[in-house]
Protein backbone atom coordinates (compact mmCIF):
# COMPACT_ATOMS: atom_id res chain seq x y z
CA UNK A 1 0.00 0.00 0.00
CA UNK A 2 1.52 3.36 -0.95
CA UNK A 3 2.23 5.86 1.78
CA UNK A 4 -0.58 8.39 2.15
CA UNK A 5 2.02 10.99 3.13
CA UNK A 6 3.91 10.24 -0.10
CA UNK A 7 0.73 10.42 -2.17
CA UNK A 8 0.15 13.95 -0.87
CA UNK A 9 3.69 15.29 -0.66
CA UNK A 10 5.23 13.69 -3.75
CA UNK A 11 3.49 15.69 -6.46
CA UNK A 12 4.43 15.31 -10.14
CA UNK A 13 7.04 18.07 -9.82
CA UNK A 14 8.50 16.55 -6.67
CA UNK A 15 8.71 13.09 -8.24
CA UNK A 16 10.38 14.62 -11.34
CA UNK A 17 13.04 16.24 -9.14
CA UNK A 18 13.51 13.00 -7.21
CA UNK A 19 14.03 11.22 -10.53
CA UNK A 20 16.45 13.90 -11.73
CA UNK A 21 18.51 13.70 -8.53
CA UNK A 22 18.44 9.91 -8.13
CA UNK A 23 16.19 9.43 -5.10
CA UNK A 24 12.90 8.45 -6.80
CA UNK A 25 13.54 4.68 -6.83
CA UNK A 26 14.32 4.60 -3.11
CA UNK A 27 11.15 6.54 -2.24
CA UNK A 28 9.05 4.33 -4.52
CA UNK A 29 10.50 1.21 -2.84
CA UNK A 30 9.90 2.65 0.61
CA UNK A 31 6.28 3.51 -0.27
CA UNK A 32 5.66 0.00 -1.59
CA UNK A 33 6.99 -1.57 1.63
CA UNK A 34 5.29 0.71 4.16
CA UNK A 35 1.97 0.17 5.83
CA UNK A 36 -0.73 2.79 6.13
CA UNK A 37 0.75 6.09 7.27
CA UNK A 38 -2.49 7.79 8.13
CA UNK A 39 -3.22 5.70 11.23
CA UNK A 40 -1.62 6.83 14.48
CA UNK A 41 -0.05 3.74 16.02
CA UNK A 42 1.49 3.14 19.45
CA UNK A 43 4.89 4.63 18.50
CA UNK A 44 3.33 7.79 17.09
CA UNK A 45 0.96 8.11 20.07
CA UNK A 46 3.80 7.87 22.59
CA UNK A 47 5.89 10.39 20.64
CA UNK A 48 3.01 12.88 20.23
CA UNK A 49 1.89 12.65 23.85
CA UNK A 50 5.43 13.31 25.12
CA UNK A 51 5.84 16.60 23.23
CA UNK A 52 5.57 19.99 24.90
CA UNK A 53 5.53 21.88 21.59
CA UNK A 54 5.14 21.58 17.84
CA UNK A 55 5.15 23.75 14.75
CA UNK A 56 1.87 24.34 12.90
CA UNK A 57 1.76 25.42 9.26
CA UNK A 58 -1.35 26.81 7.59
CA UNK A 59 -1.97 28.65 4.31
CA UNK A 60 -3.64 32.05 4.00
CA UNK A 61 -6.38 32.91 1.52
CA UNK A 62 -3.69 34.76 -0.49
CA UNK A 63 -1.58 31.58 -0.70
CA UNK A 64 1.11 32.53 1.83
CA UNK A 65 2.27 29.86 4.27
CA UNK A 66 2.27 30.72 7.96
CA UNK A 67 4.18 28.73 10.56
CA UNK A 68 3.50 29.09 14.26
CA UNK A 69 5.10 27.48 17.28
CA UNK A 70 2.56 25.99 19.70
CA UNK A 71 3.54 24.98 23.21
CA UNK A 72 2.07 23.75 26.46
CA UNK A 73 2.59 21.09 29.09
CA UNK A 74 3.82 17.71 27.80
CA UNK A 75 0.87 15.91 26.26
CA UNK A 76 -1.13 19.05 25.43
CA UNK A 77 -1.48 17.69 21.87
CA UNK A 78 -3.90 14.81 22.40
CA UNK A 79 -4.39 11.68 20.34
CA UNK A 80 -8.18 11.30 20.31
CA UNK A 81 -8.09 8.18 18.15
CA UNK A 82 -5.93 6.63 15.41
CA UNK A 83 -6.90 9.35 12.92
CA UNK A 84 -7.57 12.39 15.10
CA UNK A 85 -5.41 14.81 17.12
CA UNK A 86 -6.52 17.92 19.00
CA UNK A 87 -5.23 20.59 21.35
CA UNK A 88 -6.76 23.29 23.49
CA UNK A 89 -6.12 26.68 21.91
CA UNK A 90 -5.56 29.04 24.82
CA UNK A 91 -6.29 32.74 24.90
CA UNK A 92 -3.19 34.44 23.51
CA UNK A 93 -2.16 37.50 21.52
CA UNK A 94 -5.42 37.56 19.55
CA UNK A 95 -3.85 37.68 16.09
CA UNK A 96 -5.93 34.66 14.95
CA UNK A 97 -3.71 34.05 11.90
CA UNK A 98 -3.70 30.24 12.05
CA UNK A 99 -7.36 30.12 13.05
CA UNK A 100 -8.33 32.50 10.25
CA UNK A 101 -6.27 30.58 7.73
CA UNK A 102 -8.00 27.34 8.70
CA UNK A 103 -11.40 28.90 8.04
CA UNK A 104 -10.41 29.40 4.39
CA UNK A 105 -8.19 26.35 3.86
CA UNK A 106 -8.36 23.38 6.22
CA UNK A 107 -4.99 21.96 5.14
CA UNK A 108 -2.39 21.98 7.89
CA UNK A 109 1.03 20.51 8.57
CA UNK A 110 2.56 19.79 11.95
CA UNK A 111 6.20 19.17 12.75
CA UNK A 112 6.90 17.57 16.12
CA UNK A 113 10.50 17.55 17.34
CA UNK A 114 12.36 15.50 19.90
CA UNK A 115 15.67 17.34 19.85
CA UNK A 116 17.55 15.25 22.47
CA UNK A 117 16.78 12.03 20.59
CA UNK A 118 17.07 13.62 17.15
CA UNK A 119 13.60 12.52 16.03
CA UNK A 120 11.01 14.36 13.95
CA UNK A 121 7.44 13.47 13.00
CA UNK A 122 5.73 15.34 10.15
CA UNK A 123 1.93 15.20 9.97
CA UNK A 124 -0.40 16.33 7.18
CA UNK A 125 -4.00 16.92 8.22
CA UNK A 126 -7.23 18.75 7.68
CA UNK A 127 -7.93 20.99 10.67
CA UNK A 128 -10.94 22.72 12.12
CA UNK A 129 -11.68 25.02 15.04
CA UNK A 130 -14.25 24.11 17.66
CA UNK A 131 -15.25 27.03 19.88
CA UNK A 132 -15.19 26.30 23.62
CA UNK A 133 -18.89 26.98 24.15
CA UNK A 134 -19.83 24.62 21.30
CA UNK A 135 -18.27 21.48 22.82
CA UNK A 136 -17.60 21.70 26.57
CA UNK A 137 -16.97 17.94 26.73
CA UNK A 138 -14.10 18.20 24.22
CA UNK A 139 -12.66 21.20 26.10
CA UNK A 140 -12.71 19.19 29.35
CA UNK A 141 -10.92 16.32 27.60
CA UNK A 142 -8.21 18.68 26.28
CA UNK A 143 -7.71 20.71 29.45
CA UNK A 144 -4.34 20.38 31.17
CA UNK A 145 -4.75 20.01 34.94
CA UNK A 146 -3.05 22.87 36.76
CA UNK A 147 -2.50 24.89 33.57
CA UNK A 148 -4.15 28.24 34.22
CA UNK A 149 -4.64 29.58 30.66
CA UNK A 150 -8.22 30.05 29.42
CA UNK A 151 -9.29 27.74 26.59
CA UNK A 152 -10.84 29.70 23.70
CA UNK A 153 -11.28 26.79 21.32
CA UNK A 154 -9.92 23.44 20.27
CA UNK A 155 -8.08 22.79 17.05
CA UNK A 156 -8.91 19.31 15.78
CA UNK A 157 -6.78 17.56 13.15
CA UNK A 158 -8.04 14.79 10.90
CA UNK A 159 -4.75 13.09 10.01
CA UNK A 160 -4.21 12.42 6.31
CA UNK A 161 -0.67 11.07 6.59
CA UNK A 162 2.60 11.29 8.47
CA UNK A 163 6.28 10.60 8.00
CA UNK A 164 9.15 10.01 10.38
CA UNK A 165 12.04 12.13 9.19
CA UNK A 166 15.73 11.43 8.92
CA UNK A 167 17.60 12.54 12.08
CA UNK A 168 20.81 13.45 10.27
CA UNK A 169 20.64 17.26 10.63
CA UNK A 170 18.72 17.58 13.91
CA UNK A 171 20.97 19.29 16.46
CA UNK A 172 20.38 17.90 19.95
CA UNK A 173 18.90 20.57 22.24
CA UNK A 174 17.68 20.17 25.79
CA UNK A 175 15.07 21.92 27.92
CA UNK A 176 15.99 23.18 31.37
CA UNK A 177 13.96 20.28 32.85
CA UNK A 178 15.82 17.72 30.73
CA UNK A 179 19.17 19.15 31.85
CA UNK A 180 18.03 19.14 35.47
CA UNK A 181 17.00 15.49 35.15
CA UNK A 182 20.30 14.54 33.46
CA UNK A 183 22.41 16.10 36.21
CA UNK A 184 20.20 15.24 39.20
CA UNK A 185 22.05 11.97 39.78
CA UNK A 186 25.45 13.66 39.69
CA UNK A 187 24.38 16.30 42.21
CA UNK A 188 22.97 13.80 44.67
CA UNK A 189 26.10 11.63 44.31
CA UNK A 190 28.45 14.53 45.09
CA UNK A 191 26.68 15.65 48.25
């Protein structure tokens, strides 16, 4: 079964460039060997639920891409089922660029990074906004206990495909909490 991600991302022009530069055969082989890449499995679920941020790309009505960093407590991006992700969109700077873009074009891309382990998951999806007052049950499901920000809406993603990316050029970076955890054993051993 061909990769759904590849079906979407590898347009005629992309495939022509892959052919020109010698990578087309490898991608065709990989697509033929892979299983469905639109179903979130256990590995993807664990990876997604461990993230404390991701990058969200949308497209404006004038055709311009817009990329926004989204962050929250680990697990704020929820796997609702094997085809659906969602997060609580908290009250912020009130620019509404991503939300406005999604009203005109539901296509979205997410990039989730695990810098310490040099891993990256790219997701293609159709997205929609659900206002808080329209689905209180969903808002309760997406709320992060102890996180004080006010939920304005949920952004729900219907996953079309995903791809695990090559780690070659991912520079390892660590959060303050990850550094604290790494050195906690050394501190307690030296006391």
